């Protein structure tokens, strides 16, 4: 009993300190053995039970559809990035125009979910790369960010996953990502610091060089005049 209490306290500390156990999303091997429709049915029952346990009147017109809405949202929207089949197919092309400078896609909107409290993570991602021999469609960079965001996440892992996916697609180590985001598990509960945000970064290849890293960060800081 004492061990169980200590273990539970340790798990709470992991959540409050936003620690991650792996750079890979912890997904079970049997995660896709049942259909999305079956998952919606099971989650609907669980949400119903949670709300009923809290004392909500689920016969009320405002609430009677909530379990179904939440279940569909989980499976079809905010957690679609769990399924490998939803990974965007990267549109890459040969760098025929021989562009040799840094390419930066900044202010990519991030909507994710903290895996410790299932509360929103909202912010911006800034991604850059140097072409080896390939370039990627600009919108695909946004879609890769979106894909890895749409799952229970830890911001550090999200940053690494974005970089790894682009490195693989572009066949180069020269990729970087910075994410600046607010975590509602910090802003609206616990410490309740509504003004704080979290910044994470992952630098590969050339971006480990101080001057290149500084150039990338300068691009991020520069406000667009458009």
Protein backbone atom coordinates (compact mmCIF):
# COMPACT_ATOMS: atom_id res chain seq x y z
CA UNK A 1 0.00 0.00 0.00
CA UNK A 2 2.83 2.37 0.93
CA UNK A 3 4.63 1.50 -2.34
CA UNK A 4 1.46 2.23 -4.36
CA UNK A 5 1.13 5.65 -2.72
CA UNK A 6 4.78 6.52 -3.41
CA UNK A 7 4.45 5.33 -7.02
CA UNK A 8 1.31 7.43 -7.51
CA UNK A 9 3.07 10.48 -6.11
CA UNK A 10 5.97 9.92 -8.51
CA UNK A 11 3.55 9.73 -11.45
CA UNK A 12 1.96 13.01 -10.36
CA UNK A 13 5.39 14.65 -10.26
CA UNK A 14 6.13 13.42 -13.80
CA UNK A 15 2.93 15.09 -14.99
CA UNK A 16 3.41 18.36 -13.12
CA UNK A 17 7.04 18.62 -14.24
CA UNK A 18 6.08 17.77 -17.85
CA UNK A 19 8.62 14.99 -18.14
CA UNK A 20 8.69 12.58 -21.07
CA UNK A 21 9.78 8.97 -20.96
CA UNK A 22 10.73 8.64 -24.65
CA UNK A 23 11.23 10.52 -27.92
CA UNK A 24 8.64 8.15 -29.41
CA UNK A 25 4.96 8.46 -28.63
CA UNK A 26 4.03 5.61 -26.25
CA UNK A 27 1.52 3.71 -28.40
CA UNK A 28 0.59 0.09 -27.69
CA UNK A 29 1.17 -2.61 -30.32
CA UNK A 30 -2.57 -3.39 -30.41
CA UNK A 31 -3.60 0.28 -30.77
CA UNK A 32 -5.17 -0.27 -34.19
CA UNK A 33 -6.79 -3.66 -33.69
CA UNK A 34 -10.25 -2.09 -33.41
CA UNK A 35 -11.90 0.33 -35.82
CA UNK A 36 -12.37 4.05 -35.26
CA UNK A 37 -16.12 3.45 -34.98
CA UNK A 38 -15.57 0.93 -32.18
CA UNK A 39 -13.24 3.38 -30.42
CA UNK A 40 -15.90 6.09 -30.59
CA UNK A 41 -18.48 3.77 -29.01
CA UNK A 42 -16.12 2.82 -26.16
CA UNK A 43 -14.96 6.40 -25.49
CA UNK A 44 -18.58 7.62 -25.56
CA UNK A 45 -19.41 5.25 -22.69
CA UNK A 46 -16.34 6.36 -20.74
CA UNK A 47 -17.14 10.06 -21.12
CA UNK A 48 -20.73 9.38 -20.08
CA UNK A 49 -19.47 7.62 -16.94
CA UNK A 50 -17.05 10.44 -16.10
CA UNK A 51 -19.73 13.13 -16.38
CA UNK A 52 -22.27 11.05 -14.48
CA UNK A 53 -19.72 10.39 -11.71
CA UNK A 54 -19.13 14.14 -11.46
CA UNK A 55 -22.86 14.55 -10.87
CA UNK A 56 -23.89 16.02 -14.22
CA UNK A 57 -27.47 15.48 -15.43
CA UNK A 58 -26.99 13.80 -18.80
CA UNK A 59 -30.70 14.00 -19.60
CA UNK A 60 -30.30 17.78 -19.97
CA UNK A 61 -30.55 18.94 -23.60
CA UNK A 62 -27.16 20.67 -23.37
CA UNK A 63 -25.37 17.55 -22.12
CA UNK A 64 -27.09 14.55 -23.67
CA UNK A 65 -24.98 14.76 -26.86
CA UNK A 66 -21.69 15.57 -25.10
CA UNK A 67 -20.33 12.00 -24.72
CA UNK A 68 -20.81 11.37 -28.44
CA UNK A 69 -19.34 14.74 -29.45
CA UNK A 70 -16.25 14.28 -27.27
CA UNK A 71 -15.67 10.71 -28.49
CA UNK A 72 -15.87 11.77 -32.14
CA UNK A 73 -13.59 14.76 -31.46
CA UNK A 74 -10.97 12.51 -29.83
CA UNK A 75 -10.91 9.95 -32.65
CA UNK A 76 -11.61 12.10 -35.72
CA UNK A 77 -9.97 15.41 -34.83
CA UNK A 78 -7.61 16.15 -31.96
CA UNK A 79 -5.95 12.70 -31.82
CA UNK A 80 -5.83 11.76 -35.53
CA UNK A 81 -2.02 12.01 -35.36
CA UNK A 82 -1.88 8.75 -33.41
CA UNK A 83 -2.56 6.75 -36.59
CA UNK A 84 0.49 6.20 -38.83
CA UNK A 85 -1.82 6.13 -41.88
CA UNK A 86 -2.50 9.83 -41.33
CA UNK A 87 1.16 10.85 -41.67
CA UNK A 88 1.28 13.30 -44.61
CA UNK A 89 3.04 12.01 -47.71
CA UNK A 90 5.88 14.51 -48.16
CA UNK A 91 5.94 16.18 -51.56
CA UNK A 92 9.66 16.53 -52.24
CA UNK A 93 11.30 17.74 -55.42
CA UNK A 94 14.80 18.00 -56.78
CA UNK A 95 16.43 21.32 -55.99
CA UNK A 96 16.72 22.25 -59.68
CA UNK A 97 17.05 25.97 -58.96
CA UNK A 98 20.07 25.19 -56.75
CA UNK A 99 18.81 27.17 -53.75
CA UNK A 100 21.63 26.99 -51.20
CA UNK A 101 20.43 29.23 -48.38
CA UNK A 102 18.31 28.52 -45.34
CA UNK A 103 14.57 28.08 -45.87
CA UNK A 104 12.42 29.07 -42.91
CA UNK A 105 8.71 28.44 -42.40
CA UNK A 106 7.71 30.36 -39.29
CA UNK A 107 4.60 30.98 -37.21
CA UNK A 108 3.07 27.58 -37.96
CA UNK A 109 0.07 27.23 -35.64
CA UNK A 110 0.33 24.44 -33.09
CA UNK A 111 -2.76 22.97 -31.44
CA UNK A 112 -1.83 19.95 -29.35
CA UNK A 113 -2.85 18.21 -26.13
CA UNK A 114 -0.72 17.71 -23.02
CA UNK A 115 -0.52 13.97 -22.38
CA UNK A 116 -0.28 14.50 -18.62
CA UNK A 117 -3.55 16.36 -18.09
CA UNK A 118 -5.26 16.24 -21.51
CA UNK A 119 -5.39 20.02 -21.67
CA UNK A 120 -4.54 22.14 -24.74
CA UNK A 121 -1.07 23.21 -25.85
CA UNK A 122 -1.36 26.27 -28.11
CA UNK A 123 1.51 28.04 -29.82
CA UNK A 124 3.72 28.53 -32.86
CA UNK A 125 6.34 26.35 -34.50
CA UNK A 126 9.24 27.70 -36.58
CA UNK A 127 10.92 25.21 -38.92
CA UNK A 128 13.99 25.57 -41.14
CA UNK A 129 16.25 23.46 -43.33
CA UNK A 130 19.10 23.56 -45.79
CA UNK A 131 18.51 21.60 -48.97
CA UNK A 132 20.87 18.72 -49.65
CA UNK A 133 19.40 17.83 -53.03
CA UNK A 134 15.67 17.96 -52.23
CA UNK A 135 13.11 20.63 -51.34
CA UNK A 136 9.70 20.05 -49.80
CA UNK A 137 6.32 21.66 -50.51
CA UNK A 138 5.79 24.47 -48.00
CA UNK A 139 2.34 23.28 -46.93
CA UNK A 140 3.79 19.84 -46.16
CA UNK A 141 5.89 21.39 -43.41
CA UNK A 142 2.69 22.73 -41.83
CA UNK A 143 1.00 19.35 -42.23
CA UNK A 144 3.89 17.51 -40.57
CA UNK A 145 3.68 19.90 -37.61
CA UNK A 146 -0.08 19.36 -37.46
CA UNK A 147 0.21 15.55 -37.67
CA UNK A 148 2.58 15.20 -34.72
CA UNK A 149 0.57 17.80 -32.76
CA UNK A 150 -2.67 15.84 -33.09
CA UNK A 151 -1.97 13.33 -30.34
CA UNK A 152 -1.36 13.39 -26.59
CA UNK A 153 2.02 15.11 -26.53
CA UNK A 154 4.98 16.51 -24.66
CA UNK A 155 6.42 19.62 -26.30
CA UNK A 156 10.01 18.37 -26.22
CA UNK A 157 8.99 15.18 -28.02
CA UNK A 158 6.88 17.10 -30.53
CA UNK A 159 9.87 19.29 -31.45
CA UNK A 160 12.12 16.26 -31.98
CA UNK A 161 9.50 14.36 -33.99
CA UNK A 162 9.03 17.27 -36.40
CA UNK A 163 12.77 17.51 -37.00
CA UNK A 164 13.19 13.75 -37.44
CA UNK A 165 10.30 13.56 -39.95
CA UNK A 166 11.72 16.39 -42.06
CA UNK A 167 15.24 14.96 -41.91
CA UNK A 168 13.92 11.69 -43.27
CA UNK A 169 11.79 13.34 -45.97
CA UNK A 170 14.58 15.67 -47.14
CA UNK A 171 17.45 13.20 -46.69
CA UNK A 172 19.49 15.73 -44.71
CA UNK A 173 20.47 16.35 -41.09
CA UNK A 174 20.24 20.12 -41.64
CA UNK A 175 16.83 20.71 -40.07
CA UNK A 176 15.79 22.81 -37.06
CA UNK A 177 12.59 23.51 -35.14
CA UNK A 178 11.65 25.93 -32.36
CA UNK A 179 8.25 25.84 -30.66
CA UNK A 180 6.88 28.53 -28.34
CA UNK A 181 3.60 27.44 -26.73
CA UNK A 182 1.26 27.97 -23.82
CA UNK A 183 0.23 24.92 -21.78
CA UNK A 184 -3.20 25.22 -20.20
CA UNK A 185 -2.14 22.62 -17.62
CA UNK A 186 0.20 25.38 -16.36
CA UNK A 187 -1.89 28.43 -17.28
CA UNK A 188 -5.31 27.30 -15.98
CA UNK A 189 -4.52 24.81 -13.17
CA UNK A 190 -1.70 23.96 -10.77
CA UNK A 191 0.49 27.07 -10.57
CA UNK A 192 -2.08 28.99 -12.72
CA UNK A 193 0.54 31.19 -14.37
CA UNK A 194 -1.47 32.59 -17.28
CA UNK A 195 1.45 34.52 -18.81
CA UNK A 196 4.13 31.82 -19.02
CA UNK A 197 4.98 29.92 -22.19
CA UNK A 198 7.38 27.08 -22.98
CA UNK A 199 10.10 27.25 -25.64
CA UNK A 200 11.74 24.09 -27.01
CA UNK A 201 14.29 23.65 -29.79
CA UNK A 202 15.93 20.89 -31.78
CA UNK A 203 18.91 21.63 -34.04
CA UNK A 204 20.37 19.16 -36.51
CA UNK A 205 23.41 19.23 -38.79
CA UNK A 206 24.50 22.75 -39.77
CA UNK A 207 22.12 24.28 -37.23
CA UNK A 208 24.39 23.14 -34.40
CA UNK A 209 26.87 25.78 -35.60
CA UNK A 210 26.46 28.92 -33.48
CA UNK A 211 26.37 31.35 -36.40
CA UNK A 212 23.78 29.30 -38.32
CA UNK A 213 21.68 28.88 -35.21
CA UNK A 214 21.83 32.63 -34.60
CA UNK A 215 20.75 33.36 -38.19
CA UNK A 216 17.75 31.06 -37.80
CA UNK A 217 16.74 32.67 -34.50
CA UNK A 218 17.10 36.13 -36.07
CA UNK A 219 14.69 35.11 -38.83
CA UNK A 220 12.18 34.05 -36.18
CA UNK A 221 12.48 37.32 -34.29
CA UNK A 222 12.01 39.45 -37.41
CA UNK A 223 8.39 40.51 -37.80
CA UNK A 224 6.88 40.21 -41.28
CA UNK A 225 5.80 43.53 -42.77
CA UNK A 226 3.17 41.90 -44.97
